[in-house]
Structure formats: C-alpha cells, structure tokens
Amino acid sequence: MRAAVQGARVMLREEHNARIHFAATIVVVTAAVLLGAQRTDWLVLVVVISIVWITEALNTAVENLADKISPEHDPLIGKAKDVACLAVAIASVSAVICGLLVFVPLLAAQVS
C-alpha cells in the first residue's frame, strides 16, 4: 500500500493531466452527491472514474519506463507512448459520455 500511495503522489505531482482528472473526480463526486445519484448512477461513475485513473497510471508508468530505457527520441518508443496516451483519451471520452448519461437525467429531474 505504501508504494501505491507513493505512486499517487508521483502522478499528482508530475502529471498535469492527473491533476485535471483529480479535479474532475472531485466535481463529479460532489455533483452526484448534491443531485442525489442512485445506486446505478454511482456504479457507472465509480467504474468510469476508475478506468480513467487506471489508464492514466499505466500511461504514466509507460512514459517513465520508456524515458529511462531510451532518453533520446526513438520512433518505436514514441509509438508506444502515443498508444498509451490514446488509452487515456478513450477512457476520458467514454467517462464524459457516461457522465452525460448519468447527469442529464439527474439535472432534468431537478428542473421539473
């Protein structure tokens, strides 16, 4: 567990996108609480938030290992880093779509 906490510190300190994901996580969780998200809503939110964090962590690990193995530019390492970045982008876009599917009905219920 100590290594996981250290990994979180490293990621939040060194990765700009991780700080964006952290802020988004706080906003989403706060909105879900305030709008009265139900069990199924929470299930969706927890899963997609987890997937974004997992892909961001793996992307960070790939980038750090790649930079250690080959500090100079290498086309194959560049491709690996791009694909790892794509995984985060896919997870993030999917999370936004799921967030809309959860929050639009919750917001609509508040308006009516």
PDB file of N, CA and C in Angstrom:
ATOM      1  N   MET A   1       0.823  -1.198   0.000  1.00  0.00           N
ATOM      2  CA  MET A   1       0.000   0.000   0.000  1.00  0.00           C
ATOM      3  C   MET A   1       0.865   1.259   0.000  1.00  0.00           C
ATOM      4  N   ARG A   2       2.002   1.190   0.647  1.00  0.00           N
ATOM      5  CA  ARG A   2       2.899   2.335   0.698  1.00  0.00           C
ATOM      6  C   ARG A   2       3.353   2.743  -0.707  1.00  0.00           C
ATOM      7  N   ALA A   3       3.651   1.735  -1.530  1.00  0.00           N
ATOM      8  CA  ALA A   3       4.080   2.010  -2.907  1.00  0.00           C
ATOM      9  C   ALA A   3       2.958   2.655  -3.712  1.00  0.00           C
ATOM     10  N   ALA A   4       1.723   2.232  -3.467  1.00  0.00           N
ATOM     11  CA  ALA A   4       0.581   2.813  -4.179  1.00  0.00           C
ATOM     12  C   ALA A   4       0.409   4.284  -3.799  1.00  0.00           C
ATOM     13  N   VAL A   5       0.556   4.596  -2.532  1.00  0.00           N
ATOM     14  CA  VAL A   5       0.446   5.989  -2.080  1.00  0.00           C
ATOM     15  C   VAL A   5       1.559   6.817  -2.707  1.00  0.00           C
ATOM     16  N   GLN A   6       2.767   6.262  -2.742  1.00  0.00           N
ATOM     17  CA  GLN A   6       3.890   6.961  -3.375  1.00  0.00           C
ATOM     18  C   GLN A   6       3.619   7.169  -4.864  1.00  0.00           C
ATOM     19  N   GLY A   7       3.040   6.158  -5.519  1.00  0.00           N
ATOM     20  CA  GLY A   7       2.692   6.286  -6.934  1.00  0.00           C
ATOM     21  C   GLY A   7       1.680   7.390  -7.162  1.00  0.00           C
ATOM     22  N   ALA A   8       0.702   7.492  -6.277  1.00  0.00           N
ATOM     23  CA  ALA A   8      -0.295   8.562  -6.390  1.00  0.00           C
ATOM     24  C   ALA A   8       0.366   9.926  -6.215  1.00  0.00           C
ATOM     25  N   ARG A   9       1.272  10.025  -5.280  1.00  0.00           N
ATOM     26  CA  ARG A   9       1.986  11.299  -5.071  1.00  0.00           C
ATOM     27  C   ARG A   9       2.779  11.696  -6.313  1.00  0.00           C
ATOM     28  N   VAL A  10       3.503  10.727  -6.856  1.00  0.00           N
ATOM     29  CA  VAL A  10       4.303  10.987  -8.052  1.00  0.00           C
ATOM     30  C   VAL A  10       3.404  11.430  -9.195  1.00  0.00           C
ATOM     31  N   MET A  11       2.329  10.696  -9.419  1.00  0.00           N
ATOM     32  CA  MET A  11       1.441  11.008 -10.531  1.00  0.00           C
ATOM     33  C   MET A  11       0.832  12.398 -10.385  1.00  0.00           C
ATOM     34  N   LEU A  12       0.341  12.724  -9.197  1.00  0.00           N
ATOM     35  CA  LEU A  12      -0.291  14.026  -8.989  1.00  0.00           C
ATOM     36  C   LEU A  12       0.726  15.173  -9.032  1.00  0.00           C
ATOM     37  N   ARG A  13       1.935  14.896  -8.607  1.00  0.00           N
ATOM     38  CA  ARG A  13       2.963  15.932  -8.596  1.00  0.00           C
ATOM     39  C   ARG A  13       3.534  16.168  -9.999  1.00  0.00           C
ATOM     40  N   GLU A  14       3.717  15.092 -10.771  1.00  0.00           N
ATOM     41  CA  GLU A  14       4.446  15.197 -12.030  1.00  0.00           C
ATOM     42  C   GLU A  14       3.574  15.208 -13.277  1.00  0.00           C
ATOM     43  N   GLU A  15       2.338  14.787 -13.177  1.00  0.00           N
ATOM     44  CA  GLU A  15       1.488  14.673 -14.368  1.00  0.00           C
ATOM     45  C   GLU A  15       0.362  15.700 -14.335  1.00  0.00           C
ATOM     46  N   HIS A  16       0.434  16.670 -15.232  1.00  0.00           N
ATOM     47  CA  HIS A  16      -0.591  17.707 -15.316  1.00  0.00           C
ATOM     48  C   HIS A  16      -1.982  17.106 -15.515  1.00  0.00           C
ATOM     49  N   ASN A  17      -2.088  16.125 -16.417  1.00  0.00           N
ATOM     50  CA  ASN A  17      -3.395  15.525 -16.687  1.00  0.00           C
ATOM     51  C   ASN A  17      -3.967  14.800 -15.476  1.00  0.00           C
ATOM     52  N   ALA A  18      -3.109  14.256 -14.634  1.00  0.00           N
ATOM     53  CA  ALA A  18      -3.596  13.593 -13.416  1.00  0.00           C
ATOM     54  C   ALA A  18      -4.258  14.612 -12.494  1.00  0.00           C
ATOM     55  N   ARG A  19      -3.718  15.807 -12.453  1.00  0.00           N
ATOM     56  CA  ARG A  19      -4.341  16.859 -11.627  1.00  0.00           C
ATOM     57  C   ARG A  19      -5.687  17.278 -12.219  1.00  0.00           C
ATOM     58  N   ILE A  20      -5.799  17.281 -13.543  1.00  0.00           N
ATOM     59  CA  ILE A  20      -7.085  17.566 -14.186  1.00  0.00           C
ATOM     60  C   ILE A  20      -8.082  16.461 -13.848  1.00  0.00           C
ATOM     61  N   HIS A  21      -7.647  15.197 -13.924  1.00  0.00           N
ATOM     62  CA  HIS A  21      -8.524  14.076 -13.575  1.00  0.00           C
ATOM     63  C   HIS A  21      -8.939  14.140 -12.111  1.00  0.00           C
ATOM     64  N   PHE A  22      -8.028  14.567 -11.247  1.00  0.00           N
ATOM     65  CA  PHE A  22      -8.353  14.689  -9.826  1.00  0.00           C
ATOM     66  C   PHE A  22      -9.453  15.734  -9.626  1.00  0.00           C
ATOM     67  N   ALA A  23      -9.297  16.886 -10.262  1.00  0.00           N
ATOM     68  CA  ALA A  23     -10.312  17.939 -10.149  1.00  0.00           C
ATOM     69  C   ALA A  23     -11.650  17.454 -10.710  1.00  0.00           C
ATOM     70  N   ALA A  24     -11.599  16.773 -11.853  1.00  0.00           N
ATOM     71  CA  ALA A  24     -12.841  16.256 -12.451  1.00  0.00           C
ATOM     72  C   ALA A  24     -13.501  15.244 -11.527  1.00  0.00           C
ATOM     73  N   THR A  25     -12.701  14.404 -10.893  1.00  0.00           N
ATOM     74  CA  THR A  25     -13.240  13.414  -9.960  1.00  0.00           C
ATOM     75  C   THR A  25     -13.967  14.099  -8.814  1.00  0.00           C
ATOM     76  N   ILE A  26     -13.367  15.136  -8.254  1.00  0.00           N
ATOM     77  CA  ILE A  26     -13.988  15.878  -7.147  1.00  0.00           C
ATOM     78  C   ILE A  26     -15.303  16.509  -7.609  1.00  0.00           C
ATOM     79  N   VAL A  27     -15.303  17.118  -8.782  1.00  0.00           N
ATOM     80  CA  VAL A  27     -16.516  17.761  -9.307  1.00  0.00           C
ATOM     81  C   VAL A  27     -17.616  16.731  -9.522  1.00  0.00           C
ATOM     82  N   VAL A  28     -17.268  15.600 -10.129  1.00  0.00           N
ATOM     83  CA  VAL A  28     -18.269  14.564 -10.430  1.00  0.00           C
ATOM     84  C   VAL A  28     -18.854  13.977  -9.144  1.00  0.00           C
ATOM     85  N   VAL A  29     -18.005  13.648  -8.201  1.00  0.00           N
ATOM     86  CA  VAL A  29     -18.488  13.065  -6.948  1.00  0.00           C
ATOM     87  C   VAL A  29     -19.357  14.076  -6.197  1.00  0.00           C
ATOM     88  N   THR A  30     -18.940  15.317  -6.148  1.00  0.00           N
ATOM     89  CA  THR A  30     -19.728  16.354  -5.481  1.00  0.00           C
ATOM     90  C   THR A  30     -21.086  16.527  -6.156  1.00  0.00           C
ATOM     91  N   ALA A  31     -21.080  16.589  -7.490  1.00  0.00           N
ATOM     92  CA  ALA A  31     -22.348  16.739  -8.223  1.00  0.00           C
ATOM     93  C   ALA A  31     -23.259  15.543  -7.993  1.00  0.00           C
ATOM     94  N   ALA A  32     -22.696  14.348  -7.972  1.00  0.00           N
ATOM     95  CA  ALA A  32     -23.510  13.147  -7.758  1.00  0.00           C
ATOM     96  C   ALA A  32     -24.158  13.170  -6.375  1.00  0.00           C
ATOM     97  N   VAL A  33     -23.410  13.615  -5.380  1.00  0.00           N
ATOM     98  CA  VAL A  33     -23.969  13.712  -4.028  1.00  0.00           C
ATOM     99  C   VAL A  33     -25.081  14.758  -3.999  1.00  0.00           C
ATOM    100  N   LEU A  34     -24.806  15.935  -4.542  1.00  0.00           N
ATOM    101  CA  LEU A  34     -25.767  17.036  -4.492  1.00  0.00           C
ATOM    102  C   LEU A  34     -27.039  16.751  -5.297  1.00  0.00           C
ATOM    103  N   LEU A  35     -26.899  15.996  -6.394  1.00  0.00           N
ATOM    104  CA  LEU A  35     -28.062  15.709  -7.239  1.00  0.00           C
ATOM    105  C   LEU A  35     -28.774  14.416  -6.853  1.00  0.00           C
ATOM    106  N   GLY A  36     -28.295  13.758  -5.817  1.00  0.00           N
ATOM    107  CA  GLY A  36     -28.962  12.553  -5.333  1.00  0.00           C
ATOM    108  C   GLY A  36     -28.829  11.349  -6.249  1.00  0.00           C
ATOM    109  N   ALA A  37     -27.619  11.124  -6.742  1.00  0.00           N
ATOM    110  CA  ALA A  37     -27.384   9.966  -7.610  1.00  0.00           C
ATOM    111  C   ALA A  37     -27.788   8.672  -6.895  1.00  0.00           C
ATOM    112  N   GLN A  38     -28.377   7.780  -7.662  1.00  0.00           N
ATOM    113  CA  GLN A  38     -28.829   6.495  -7.126  1.00  0.00           C
ATOM    114  C   GLN A  38     -27.736   5.430  -7.315  1.00  0.00           C
ATOM    115  N   ARG A  39     -27.995   4.264  -6.795  1.00  0.00           N
ATOM    116  CA  ARG A  39     -27.016   3.173  -6.807  1.00  0.00           C
ATOM    117  C   ARG A  39     -26.457   2.893  -8.206  1.00  0.00           C
ATOM    118  N   THR A  40     -27.316   2.809  -9.206  1.00  0.00           N
ATOM    119  CA  THR A  40     -26.855   2.526 -10.569  1.00  0.00           C
ATOM    120  C   THR A  40     -26.002   3.674 -11.100  1.00  0.00           C
ATOM    121  N   ASP A  41     -26.391   4.900 -10.793  1.00  0.00           N
ATOM    122  CA  ASP A  41     -25.597   6.060 -11.192  1.00  0.00           C
ATOM    123  C   ASP A  41     -24.197   5.964 -10.599  1.00  0.00           C
ATOM    124  N   TRP A  42     -24.135   5.644  -9.302  1.00  0.00           N
ATOM    125  CA  TRP A  42     -22.850   5.528  -8.625  1.00  0.00           C
ATOM    126  C   TRP A  42     -22.008   4.404  -9.225  1.00  0.00           C
ATOM    127  N   LEU A  43     -22.648   3.318  -9.564  1.00  0.00           N
ATOM    128  CA  LEU A  43     -21.930   2.195 -10.179  1.00  0.00           C
ATOM    129  C   LEU A  43     -21.242   2.657 -11.459  1.00  0.00           C
ATOM    130  N   VAL A  44     -21.989   3.330 -12.312  1.00  0.00           N
ATOM    131  CA  VAL A  44     -21.425   3.827 -13.572  1.00  0.00           C
ATOM    132  C   VAL A  44     -20.283   4.803 -13.292  1.00  0.00           C
ATOM    133  N   LEU A  45     -20.512   5.741 -12.392  1.00  0.00           N
ATOM    134  CA  LEU A  45     -19.500   6.759 -12.111  1.00  0.00           C
ATOM    135  C   LEU A  45     -18.234   6.166 -11.525  1.00  0.00           C
ATOM    136  N   VAL A  46     -18.379   5.252 -10.581  1.00  0.00           N
ATOM    137  CA  VAL A  46     -17.198   4.634  -9.967  1.00  0.00           C
ATOM    138  C   VAL A  46     -16.400   3.844 -11.004  1.00  0.00           C
ATOM    139  N   VAL A  47     -17.089   3.110 -11.865  1.00  0.00           N
ATOM    140  CA  VAL A  47     -16.392   2.311 -12.874  1.00  0.00           C
ATOM    141  C   VAL A  47     -15.639   3.210 -13.852  1.00  0.00           C
ATOM    142  N   VAL A  48     -16.304   4.237 -14.385  1.00  0.00           N
ATOM    143  CA  VAL A  48     -15.618   5.067 -15.381  1.00  0.00           C
ATOM    144  C   VAL A  48     -14.513   5.918 -14.758  1.00  0.00           C
ATOM    145  N   ILE A  49     -14.719   6.401 -13.545  1.00  0.00           N
ATOM    146  CA  ILE A  49     -13.648   7.142 -12.868  1.00  0.00           C
ATOM    147  C   ILE A  49     -12.447   6.220 -12.652  1.00  0.00           C
ATOM    148  N   SER A  50     -12.708   4.997 -12.222  1.00  0.00           N
ATOM    149  CA  SER A  50     -11.622   4.039 -12.001  1.00  0.00           C
ATOM    150  C   SER A  50     -10.867   3.743 -13.284  1.00  0.00           C
ATOM    151  N   ILE A  51     -11.597   3.572 -14.379  1.00  0.00           N
ATOM    152  CA  ILE A  51     -10.940   3.274 -15.656  1.00  0.00           C
ATOM    153  C   ILE A  51     -10.044   4.438 -16.089  1.00  0.00           C
ATOM    154  N   VAL A  52     -10.506   5.663 -15.907  1.00  0.00           N
ATOM    155  CA  VAL A  52      -9.672   6.815 -16.259  1.00  0.00           C
ATOM    156  C   VAL A  52      -8.402   6.826 -15.412  1.00  0.00           C
ATOM    157  N   TRP A  53      -8.538   6.612 -14.101  1.00  0.00           N
ATOM    158  CA  TRP A  53      -7.367   6.620 -13.219  1.00  0.00           C
ATOM    159  C   TRP A  53      -6.417   5.466 -13.532  1.00  0.00           C
ATOM    160  N   ILE A  54      -6.958   4.301 -13.830  1.00  0.00           N
ATOM    161  CA  ILE A  54      -6.104   3.151 -14.166  1.00  0.00           C
ATOM    162  C   ILE A  54      -5.319   3.430 -15.446  1.00  0.00           C
ATOM    163  N   THR A  55      -5.999   3.934 -16.469  1.00  0.00           N
ATOM    164  CA  THR A  55      -5.285   4.203 -17.718  1.00  0.00           C
ATOM    165  C   THR A  55      -4.263   5.325 -17.544  1.00  0.00           C
ATOM    166  N   GLU A  56      -4.589   6.332 -16.755  1.00  0.00           N
ATOM    167  CA  GLU A  56      -3.623   7.412 -16.506  1.00  0.00           C
ATOM    168  C   GLU A  56      -2.394   6.871 -15.772  1.00  0.00           C
ATOM    169  N   ALA A  57      -2.614   6.004 -14.800  1.00  0.00           N
ATOM    170  CA  ALA A  57      -1.488   5.417 -14.070  1.00  0.00           C
ATOM    171  C   ALA A  57      -0.620   4.557 -14.993  1.00  0.00           C
ATOM    172  N   LEU A  58      -1.238   3.737 -15.817  1.00  0.00           N
ATOM    173  CA  LEU A  58      -0.473   2.898 -16.747  1.00  0.00           C
ATOM    174  C   LEU A  58       0.256   3.751 -17.786  1.00  0.00           C
ATOM    175  N   ASN A  59      -0.386   4.803 -18.258  1.00  0.00           N
ATOM    176  CA  ASN A  59       0.265   5.710 -19.201  1.00  0.00           C
ATOM    177  C   ASN A  59       1.498   6.351 -18.558  1.00  0.00           C
ATOM    178  N   THR A  60       1.362   6.785 -17.325  1.00  0.00           N
ATOM    179  CA  THR A  60       2.495   7.386 -16.615  1.00  0.00           C
ATOM    180  C   THR A  60       3.623   6.372 -16.445  1.00  0.00           C
ATOM    181  N   ALA A  61       3.266   5.138 -16.107  1.00  0.00           N
ATOM    182  CA  ALA A  61       4.282   4.094 -15.952  1.00  0.00           C
ATOM    183  C   ALA A  61       4.996   3.834 -17.273  1.00  0.00           C
ATOM    184  N   VAL A  62       4.251   3.735 -18.361  1.00  0.00           N
ATOM    185  CA  VAL A  62       4.858   3.515 -19.683  1.00  0.00           C
ATOM    186  C   VAL A  62       5.803   4.661 -20.024  1.00  0.00           C
ATOM    187  N   GLU A  63       5.343   5.889 -19.824  1.00  0.00           N
ATOM    188  CA  GLU A  63       6.187   7.049 -20.138  1.00  0.00           C
ATOM    189  C   GLU A  63       7.468   7.054 -19.317  1.00  0.00           C
ATOM    190  N   ASN A  64       7.362   6.788 -18.021  1.00  0.00           N
ATOM    191  CA  ASN A  64       8.557   6.791 -17.167  1.00  0.00           C
ATOM    192  C   ASN A  64       9.527   5.683 -17.550  1.00  0.00           C
ATOM    193  N   LEU A  65       9.008   4.485 -17.793  1.00  0.00           N
ATOM    194  CA  LEU A  65       9.884   3.388 -18.216  1.00  0.00           C
ATOM    195  C   LEU A  65      10.523   3.675 -19.567  1.00  0.00           C
ATOM    196  N   ALA A  66       9.752   4.187 -20.493  1.00  0.00           N
ATOM    197  CA  ALA A  66      10.277   4.499 -21.822  1.00  0.00           C
ATOM    198  C   ALA A  66      11.379   5.555 -21.741  1.00  0.00           C
ATOM    199  N   ASP A  67      11.168   6.580 -20.922  1.00  0.00           N
ATOM    200  CA  ASP A  67      12.175   7.629 -20.789  1.00  0.00           C
ATOM    201  C   ASP A  67      13.453   7.100 -20.142  1.00  0.00           C
ATOM    202  N   LYS A  68      13.324   6.131 -19.247  1.00  0.00           N
ATOM    203  CA  LYS A  68      14.502   5.522 -18.616  1.00  0.00           C
ATOM    204  C   LYS A  68      15.261   4.655 -19.611  1.00  0.00           C
ATOM    205  N   ILE A  69      14.515   3.870 -20.390  1.00  0.00           N
ATOM    206  CA  ILE A  69      15.140   2.953 -21.348  1.00  0.00           C
ATOM    207  C   ILE A  69      15.821   3.720 -22.467  1.00  0.00           C
ATOM    208  N   SER A  70      15.167   4.760 -22.958  1.00  0.00           N
ATOM    209  CA  SER A  70      15.703   5.489 -24.104  1.00  0.00           C
ATOM    210  C   SER A  70      15.418   6.979 -23.952  1.00  0.00           C
ATOM    211  N   PRO A  71      16.318   7.704 -23.261  1.00  0.00           N
ATOM    212  CA  PRO A  71      16.098   9.141 -23.069  1.00  0.00           C
ATOM    213  C   PRO A  71      16.070   9.914 -24.395  1.00  0.00           C
ATOM    214  N   GLU A  72      16.801   9.416 -25.394  1.00  0.00           N
ATOM    215  CA  GLU A  72      16.776  10.070 -26.701  1.00  0.00           C
ATOM    216  C   GLU A  72      15.539   9.608 -27.477  1.00  0.00           C
ATOM    217  N   HIS A  73      15.193  10.359 -28.495  1.00  0.00           N
ATOM    218  CA  HIS A  73      13.987  10.024 -29.269  1.00  0.00           C
ATOM    219  C   HIS A  73      14.156   8.688 -29.968  1.00  0.00           C
ATOM    220  N   ASP A  74      13.171   7.842 -29.816  1.00  0.00           N
ATOM    221  CA  ASP A  74      13.131   6.551 -30.502  1.00  0.00           C
ATOM    222  C   ASP A  74      11.727   6.408 -31.089  1.00  0.00           C
ATOM    223  N   PRO A  75      11.610   6.157 -32.392  1.00  0.00           N
ATOM    224  CA  PRO A  75      10.286   6.096 -33.014  1.00  0.00           C
ATOM    225  C   PRO A  75       9.375   5.020 -32.423  1.00  0.00           C
ATOM    226  N   LEU A  76       9.902   3.861 -32.092  1.00  0.00           N
ATOM    227  CA  LEU A  76       9.063   2.800 -31.521  1.00  0.00           C
ATOM    228  C   LEU A  76       8.577   3.159 -30.121  1.00  0.00           C
ATOM    229  N   ILE A  77       9.453   3.760 -29.332  1.00  0.00           N
ATOM    230  CA  ILE A  77       9.032   4.200 -28.000  1.00  0.00           C
ATOM    231  C   ILE A  77       8.008   5.318 -28.130  1.00  0.00           C
ATOM    232  N   GLY A  78       8.193   6.186 -29.107  1.00  0.00           N
ATOM    233  CA  GLY A  78       7.210   7.237 -29.363  1.00  0.00           C
ATOM    234  C   GLY A  78       5.843   6.659 -29.693  1.00  0.00           C
ATOM    235  N   LYS A  79       5.826   5.593 -30.499  1.00  0.00           N
ATOM    236  CA  LYS A  79       4.563   4.934 -30.826  1.00  0.00           C
ATOM    237  C   LYS A  79       3.917   4.332 -29.586  1.00  0.00           C
ATOM    238  N   ALA A  80       4.727   3.683 -28.742  1.00  0.00           N
ATOM    239  CA  ALA A  80       4.195   3.082 -27.513  1.00  0.00           C
ATOM    240  C   ALA A  80       3.596   4.152 -26.603  1.00  0.00           C
ATOM    241  N   LYS A  81       4.279   5.271 -26.477  1.00  0.00           N
ATOM    242  CA  LYS A  81       3.765   6.355 -25.644  1.00  0.00           C
ATOM    243  C   LYS A  81       2.472   6.939 -26.224  1.00  0.00           C
ATOM    244  N   ASP A  82       2.423   7.050 -27.548  1.00  0.00           N
ATOM    245  CA  ASP A  82       1.207   7.560 -28.188  1.00  0.00           C
ATOM    246  C   ASP A  82       0.024   6.633 -27.957  1.00  0.00           C
ATOM    247  N   VAL A  83       0.257   5.326 -28.048  1.00  0.00           N
ATOM    248  CA  VAL A  83      -0.828   4.360 -27.840  1.00  0.00           C
ATOM    249  C   VAL A  83      -1.296   4.384 -26.381  1.00  0.00           C
ATOM    250  N   ALA A  84      -0.344   4.502 -25.442  1.00  0.00           N
ATOM    251  CA  ALA A  84      -0.722   4.602 -24.030  1.00  0.00           C
ATOM    252  C   ALA A  84      -1.541   5.868 -23.783  1.00  0.00           C
ATOM    253  N   CYS A  85      -1.164   6.939 -24.451  1.00  0.00           N
ATOM    254  CA  CYS A  85      -1.926   8.188 -24.344  1.00  0.00           C
ATOM    255  C   CYS A  85      -3.321   8.018 -24.936  1.00  0.00           C
ATOM    256  N   LEU A  86      -3.419   7.287 -26.034  1.00  0.00           N
ATOM    257  CA  LEU A  86      -4.723   7.015 -26.647  1.00  0.00           C
ATOM    258  C   LEU A  86      -5.639   6.295 -25.662  1.00  0.00           C
ATOM    259  N   ALA A  87      -5.097   5.361 -24.885  1.00  0.00           N
ATOM    260  CA  ALA A  87      -5.912   4.638 -23.912  1.00  0.00           C
ATOM    261  C   ALA A  87      -6.552   5.611 -22.918  1.00  0.00           C
ATOM    262  N   VAL A  88      -5.778   6.589 -22.467  1.00  0.00           N
ATOM    263  CA  VAL A  88      -6.314   7.592 -21.540  1.00  0.00           C
ATOM    264  C   VAL A  88      -7.383   8.428 -22.230  1.00  0.00           C
ATOM    265  N   ALA A  89      -7.139   8.797 -23.472  1.00  0.00           N
ATOM    266  CA  ALA A  89      -8.115   9.610 -24.211  1.00  0.00           C
ATOM    267  C   ALA A  89      -9.426   8.851 -24.400  1.00  0.00           C
ATOM    268  N   ILE A  90      -9.344   7.576 -24.758  1.00  0.00           N
ATOM    269  CA  ILE A  90     -10.553   6.759 -24.928  1.00  0.00           C
ATOM    270  C   ILE A  90     -11.314   6.674 -23.607  1.00  0.00           C
ATOM    271  N   ALA A  91     -10.588   6.408 -22.533  1.00  0.00           N
ATOM    272  CA  ALA A  91     -11.227   6.302 -21.218  1.00  0.00           C
ATOM    273  C   ALA A  91     -11.878   7.627 -20.822  1.00  0.00           C
ATOM    274  N   SER A  92     -11.199   8.725 -21.088  1.00  0.00           N
ATOM    275  CA  SER A  92     -11.722  10.036 -20.700  1.00  0.00           C
ATOM    276  C   SER A  92     -12.968  10.405 -21.499  1.00  0.00           C
ATOM    277  N   VAL A  93     -12.942  10.176 -22.797  1.00  0.00           N
ATOM    278  CA  VAL A  93     -14.115  10.480 -23.622  1.00  0.00           C
ATOM    279  C   VAL A  93     -15.282   9.585 -23.210  1.00  0.00           C
ATOM    280  N   SER A  94     -14.996   8.311 -22.967  1.00  0.00           N
ATOM    281  CA  SER A  94     -16.057   7.406 -22.510  1.00  0.00           C
ATOM    282  C   SER A  94     -16.633   7.857 -21.174  1.00  0.00           C
ATOM    283  N   ALA A  95     -15.779   8.340 -20.289  1.00  0.00           N
ATOM    284  CA  ALA A  95     -16.242   8.824 -18.989  1.00  0.00           C
ATOM    285  C   ALA A  95     -17.142  10.046 -19.149  1.00  0.00           C
ATOM    286  N   VAL A  96     -16.792  10.932 -20.064  1.00  0.00           N
ATOM    287  CA  VAL A  96     -17.637  12.110 -20.306  1.00  0.00           C
ATOM    288  C   VAL A  96     -19.004  11.671 -20.827  1.00  0.00           C
ATOM    289  N   ILE A  97     -19.010  10.735 -21.764  1.00  0.00           N
ATOM    290  CA  ILE A  97     -20.288  10.246 -22.310  1.00  0.00           C
ATOM    291  C   ILE A  97     -21.127   9.604 -21.201  1.00  0.00           C
ATOM    292  N   CYS A  98     -20.502   8.767 -20.390  1.00  0.00           N
ATOM    293  CA  CYS A  98     -21.236   8.138 -19.280  1.00  0.00           C
ATOM    294  C   CYS A  98     -21.712   9.191 -18.292  1.00  0.00           C
ATOM    295  N   GLY A  99     -20.876  10.193 -18.041  1.00  0.00           N
ATOM    296  CA  GLY A  99     -21.279  11.278 -17.149  1.00  0.00           C
ATOM    297  C   GLY A  99     -22.508  12.010 -17.668  1.00  0.00           C
ATOM    298  N   LEU A 100     -22.547  12.249 -18.962  1.00  0.00           N
ATOM    299  CA  LEU A 100     -23.737  12.891 -19.544  1.00  0.00           C
ATOM    300  C   LEU A 100     -24.964  12.006 -19.391  1.00  0.00           C
ATOM    301  N   LEU A 101     -24.792  10.706 -19.609  1.00  0.00           N
ATOM    302  CA  LEU A 101     -25.920   9.783 -19.473  1.00  0.00           C
ATOM    303  C   LEU A 101     -26.433   9.723 -18.035  1.00  0.00           C
ATOM    304  N   VAL A 102     -25.553   9.955 -17.077  1.00  0.00           N
ATOM    305  CA  VAL A 102     -25.964   9.969 -15.666  1.00  0.00           C
ATOM    306  C   VAL A 102     -26.528  11.339 -15.280  1.00  0.00           C
ATOM    307  N   PHE A 103     -25.822  12.408 -15.636  1.00  0.00           N
ATOM    308  CA  PHE A 103     -26.170  13.722 -15.094  1.00  0.00           C
ATOM    309  C   PHE A 103     -27.295  14.444 -15.827  1.00  0.00           C
ATOM    310  N   VAL A 104     -27.460  14.222 -17.105  1.00  0.00           N
ATOM    311  CA  VAL A 104     -28.551  14.920 -17.801  1.00  0.00           C
ATOM    312  C   VAL A 104     -29.908  14.550 -17.189  1.00  0.00           C
ATOM    313  N   PRO A 105     -30.223  13.264 -16.975  1.00  0.00           N
ATOM    314  CA  PRO A 105     -31.498  12.957 -16.319  1.00  0.00           C
ATOM    315  C   PRO A 105     -31.586  13.497 -14.885  1.00  0.00           C
ATOM    316  N   LEU A 106     -30.471  13.460 -14.161  1.00  0.00           N
ATOM    317  CA  LEU A 106     -30.491  13.992 -12.787  1.00  0.00           C
ATOM    318  C   LEU A 106     -30.766  15.501 -12.794  1.00  0.00           C
ATOM    319  N   LEU A 107     -30.146  16.201 -13.711  1.00  0.00           N
ATOM    320  CA  LEU A 107     -30.389  17.653 -13.814  1.00  0.00           C
ATOM    321  C   LEU A 107     -31.803  17.932 -14.295  1.00  0.00           C
ATOM    322  N   ALA A 108     -32.294  17.140 -15.235  1.00  0.00           N
ATOM    323  CA  ALA A 108     -33.665  17.319 -15.739  1.00  0.00           C
ATOM    324  C   ALA A 108     -34.672  17.123 -14.610  1.00  0.00           C
ATOM    325  N   ALA A 109     -34.417  16.155 -13.743  1.00  0.00           N
ATOM    326  CA  ALA A 109     -35.320  15.900 -12.619  1.00  0.00           C
ATOM    327  C   ALA A 109     -35.325  17.074 -11.639  1.00  0.00           C
ATOM    328  N   GLN A 110     -34.191  17.755 -11.502  1.00  0.00           N
ATOM    329  CA  GLN A 110     -34.115  18.905 -10.608  1.00  0.00           C
ATOM    330  C   GLN A 110     -34.889  20.105 -11.160  1.00  0.00           C
ATOM    331  N   VAL A 111     -34.904  20.235 -12.484  1.00  0.00           N
ATOM    332  CA  VAL A 111     -35.574  21.358 -13.124  1.00  0.00           C
ATOM    333  C   VAL A 111     -37.092  21.206 -13.063  1.00  0.00           C
ATOM    334  N   SER A 112     -37.571  19.982 -13.240  1.00  0.00           N
ATOM    335  CA  SER A 112     -39.029  19.799 -13.289  1.00  0.00           C
ATOM    336  C   SER A 112     -39.651  19.611 -11.928  1.00  0.00           C
TER     337      SER A 112
END
